Protein backbone atom coordinates (compact mmCIF):
# COMPACT_ATOMS: atom_id res chain seq x y z
CA UNK A 1 17.51 -15.97 5.83
CA UNK A 2 16.61 -12.89 3.76
CA UNK A 3 18.57 -9.77 4.62
CA UNK A 4 17.39 -6.18 4.21
CA UNK A 5 19.26 -5.71 0.91
CA UNK A 6 17.45 -8.70 -0.62
CA UNK A 7 14.10 -7.20 0.40
CA UNK A 8 15.05 -3.84 -1.10
CA UNK A 9 15.99 -5.45 -4.42
CA UNK A 10 12.89 -7.64 -4.42
CA UNK A 11 10.45 -4.82 -3.58
CA UNK A 12 11.62 -1.82 -5.56
CA UNK A 13 8.13 -0.50 -6.20
CA UNK A 14 5.49 0.57 -3.69
CA UNK A 15 2.94 -1.88 -5.11
CA UNK A 16 5.34 -4.79 -4.56
CA UNK A 17 6.10 -3.70 -1.01
CA UNK A 18 2.40 -3.31 -0.20
CA UNK A 19 1.60 -6.73 -1.62
CA UNK A 20 4.43 -8.37 0.34
CA UNK A 21 3.38 -6.69 3.61
CA UNK A 22 -0.28 -7.62 2.98
CA UNK A 23 0.74 -11.26 2.57
CA UNK A 24 3.35 -11.46 5.31
CA UNK A 25 1.65 -9.39 8.03
CA UNK A 26 -1.90 -8.48 6.93
CA UNK A 27 -3.20 -7.27 10.31
CA UNK A 28 -0.24 -5.01 11.13
CA UNK A 29 -1.53 -1.46 11.66
CA UNK A 30 0.37 0.96 9.39
CA UNK A 31 -1.22 4.20 10.52
CA UNK A 32 -3.61 5.60 13.07
CA UNK A 33 -5.57 8.81 12.59
CA UNK A 34 -6.21 10.67 15.82
CA UNK A 35 -8.69 13.45 16.51
CA UNK A 36 -7.87 16.66 18.40
CA UNK A 37 -8.42 14.86 21.71
CA UNK A 38 -5.92 12.14 20.82
CA UNK A 39 -8.55 9.46 20.33
CA UNK A 40 -8.32 7.01 17.45
CA UNK A 41 -10.63 7.94 14.59
CA UNK A 42 -9.41 5.54 11.92
CA UNK A 43 -6.73 2.90 11.39
CA UNK A 44 -5.40 1.07 8.34
CA UNK A 45 -3.74 -2.34 8.26
CA UNK A 46 -1.38 -3.68 5.61
CA UNK A 47 -4.15 -5.64 3.90
CA UNK A 48 -6.57 -2.69 3.96
CA UNK A 49 -4.02 -0.35 2.42
CA UNK A 50 -3.12 -2.91 -0.24
CA UNK A 51 -6.78 -3.42 -1.18
CA UNK A 52 -7.33 0.35 -1.41
CA UNK A 53 -4.27 0.73 -3.61
CA UNK A 54 -5.52 -2.05 -5.91
CA UNK A 55 -8.91 -0.32 -6.23
CA UNK A 56 -7.26 2.98 -7.12
CA UNK A 57 -5.02 1.28 -9.67
CA UNK A 58 -8.00 -0.47 -11.26
CA UNK A 59 -9.93 2.80 -11.49
CA UNK A 60 -6.95 4.58 -13.08
CA UNK A 61 -6.57 1.80 -15.63
CA UNK A 62 -10.27 1.76 -16.43
CA UNK A 63 -11.13 5.45 -16.39
CA UNK A 64 -7.79 7.18 -16.77
CA UNK A 65 -6.40 5.31 -19.77
CA UNK A 66 -3.39 4.23 -17.72
CA UNK A 67 -1.70 0.99 -18.76
CA UNK A 68 0.04 -1.62 -16.62
CA UNK A 69 3.60 -0.53 -15.87
CA UNK A 70 3.00 3.18 -16.30
CA UNK A 71 3.86 5.49 -13.43
CA UNK A 72 1.47 7.98 -11.85
CA UNK A 73 1.80 10.49 -9.05
CA UNK A 74 -1.22 11.11 -6.84
CA UNK A 75 -1.46 14.32 -4.87
């Protein structure tokens, strides 16, 4: 059995945590965007968020001269 501390040590970076969640529970909804009337406008699952993060990382590496292992902050 893996305890919480093992998961924390194993997934120290956001990319690792996203990848693990995408593999272990791909259809889990991570967030829901609601409109002013409280109706769902958009949702994102673990796998969708992971794929979006991979696309952003690839674009940064290709167009932003960022190398694997470098840190970036997106605002």
